[in-house]
Amino acid sequence: MANTRLRKNQIFAGIFSALFLLMVVTSLFYISSNLQHSCIGEDCPVCEEMHITWQTMTSVRIMPVFVAFVIQMLFAALFSIILFSLEECARTLVSLKVELLN
């Protein structure tokens, strides 16, 4: 019972993290793609959207979380590469228990 609850919590946390990361990436993409727009002056809708997007990102203090997530993913990738290479080095005929009959 506790194991299924823990698994559900992990799935929920993963989905929430993915949505959070998607919000950050789309916000940064929107801001970077509209930096050089032709502004019409006061009450420009693009400027207002960029301002709202920037406020959303800064209000939740997203940058440290984003940087920590990227660093964590880099370490996970590095660890998996090292682990995979160690498994490949350990595969010899003796470790696989292959009998060579000629």
Protein backbone atom coordinates (compact mmCIF):
# COMPACT_ATOMS: atom_id res chain seq x y z
CA MET A 1 0.00 0.00 0.00
CA ALA A 2 2.74 2.44 0.97
CA ASN A 3 4.79 1.43 -2.07
CA THR A 4 1.98 2.30 -4.50
CA ARG A 5 1.43 5.63 -2.75
CA LEU A 6 5.13 6.42 -3.02
CA ARG A 7 5.09 5.49 -6.70
CA LYS A 8 2.06 7.74 -7.33
CA ASN A 9 3.83 10.61 -5.56
CA GLN A 10 6.92 10.07 -7.69
CA ILE A 11 4.87 10.07 -10.89
CA PHE A 12 3.05 13.24 -9.81
CA ALA A 13 6.33 14.94 -8.96
CA GLY A 14 7.79 13.95 -12.33
CA ILE A 15 4.79 15.28 -14.25
CA PHE A 16 4.81 18.51 -12.23
CA SER A 17 8.54 18.96 -12.83
CA ALA A 18 8.13 18.37 -16.56
CA LEU A 19 5.32 20.93 -16.77
CA PHE A 20 7.36 23.40 -14.73
CA LEU A 21 10.35 22.95 -17.04
CA LEU A 22 8.08 23.32 -20.09
CA MET A 23 6.81 26.63 -18.70
CA VAL A 24 10.35 27.89 -18.24
CA VAL A 25 11.51 26.87 -21.69
CA THR A 26 8.48 28.32 -23.46
CA SER A 27 8.75 31.56 -21.48
CA LEU A 28 12.41 31.96 -22.34
CA PHE A 29 11.71 31.14 -25.98
CA TYR A 30 8.90 33.69 -26.14
CA ILE A 31 11.02 36.42 -24.60
CA SER A 32 14.04 35.71 -26.80
CA SER A 33 12.00 35.52 -30.01
CA ASN A 34 10.20 38.82 -29.36
CA LEU A 35 13.07 40.98 -28.13
CA GLN A 36 13.44 42.73 -31.50
CA HIS A 37 9.74 43.22 -32.28
CA SER A 38 8.43 46.45 -33.77
CA CYS A 39 6.93 48.14 -30.74
CA ILE A 40 3.91 50.37 -31.28
CA GLY A 41 4.60 52.32 -28.12
CA GLU A 42 2.37 52.51 -25.09
CA ASP A 43 0.02 49.53 -24.55
CA CYS A 44 2.00 47.30 -26.91
CA PRO A 45 0.52 43.77 -26.52
CA VAL A 46 3.85 42.06 -27.16
CA CYS A 47 5.61 44.17 -24.52
CA GLU A 48 2.81 43.44 -22.04
CA GLU A 49 3.08 39.69 -22.67
CA MET A 50 6.85 39.81 -22.27
CA HIS A 51 6.43 41.71 -19.02
CA ILE A 52 3.90 39.17 -17.69
CA THR A 53 6.15 36.29 -18.74
CA TRP A 54 9.15 37.83 -17.03
CA GLN A 55 7.12 38.54 -13.86
CA THR A 56 5.94 34.93 -13.78
CA MET A 57 9.48 33.62 -14.04
CA THR A 58 10.91 36.00 -11.44
CA SER A 59 8.01 35.65 -9.02
CA VAL A 60 8.64 31.92 -8.57
CA ARG A 61 12.40 32.40 -8.57
CA ILE A 62 12.77 30.02 -11.45
CA MET A 63 16.35 30.53 -12.53
CA PRO A 64 18.04 28.74 -9.59
CA VAL A 65 15.62 25.84 -9.97
CA PHE A 66 16.25 25.66 -13.70
CA VAL A 67 20.02 25.76 -13.25
CA ALA A 68 19.87 23.09 -10.53
CA PHE A 69 17.73 20.89 -12.78
CA VAL A 70 20.15 21.23 -15.69
CA ILE A 71 23.13 20.43 -13.46
CA GLN A 72 21.30 17.41 -12.05
CA MET A 73 20.52 16.13 -15.55
CA LEU A 74 24.14 16.59 -16.61
CA PHE A 75 25.37 14.60 -13.61
CA ALA A 76 22.77 11.90 -14.30
CA ALA A 77 23.88 11.66 -17.93
CA LEU A 78 27.54 11.54 -16.93
CA PHE A 79 26.85 8.87 -14.31
CA SER A 80 24.89 6.74 -16.78
CA ILE A 81 27.66 7.02 -19.38
CA ILE A 82 30.28 5.98 -16.83
CA LEU A 83 28.12 3.14 -15.58
CA PHE A 84 27.47 1.91 -19.11
CA SER A 85 31.17 2.01 -19.98
CA LEU A 86 32.03 0.06 -16.83
CA GLU A 87 29.49 -2.61 -17.76
CA GLU A 88 30.95 -2.86 -21.24
CA CYS A 89 34.48 -3.26 -19.86
CA ALA A 90 33.36 -6.06 -17.55
CA ARG A 91 32.00 -8.20 -20.39
CA THR A 92 34.70 -10.73 -21.17
CA LEU A 93 34.47 -14.34 -22.23
CA VAL A 94 35.13 -15.44 -18.67
CA SER A 95 32.53 -13.10 -17.19
CA LEU A 96 29.98 -14.27 -19.73
CA LYS A 97 31.00 -17.87 -19.02
CA VAL A 98 31.43 -18.79 -22.64
CA GLU A 99 32.99 -22.16 -23.27
CA LEU A 100 35.24 -22.20 -26.31
CA LEU A 101 35.30 -25.65 -27.89
CA ASN A 102 37.52 -26.21 -30.89
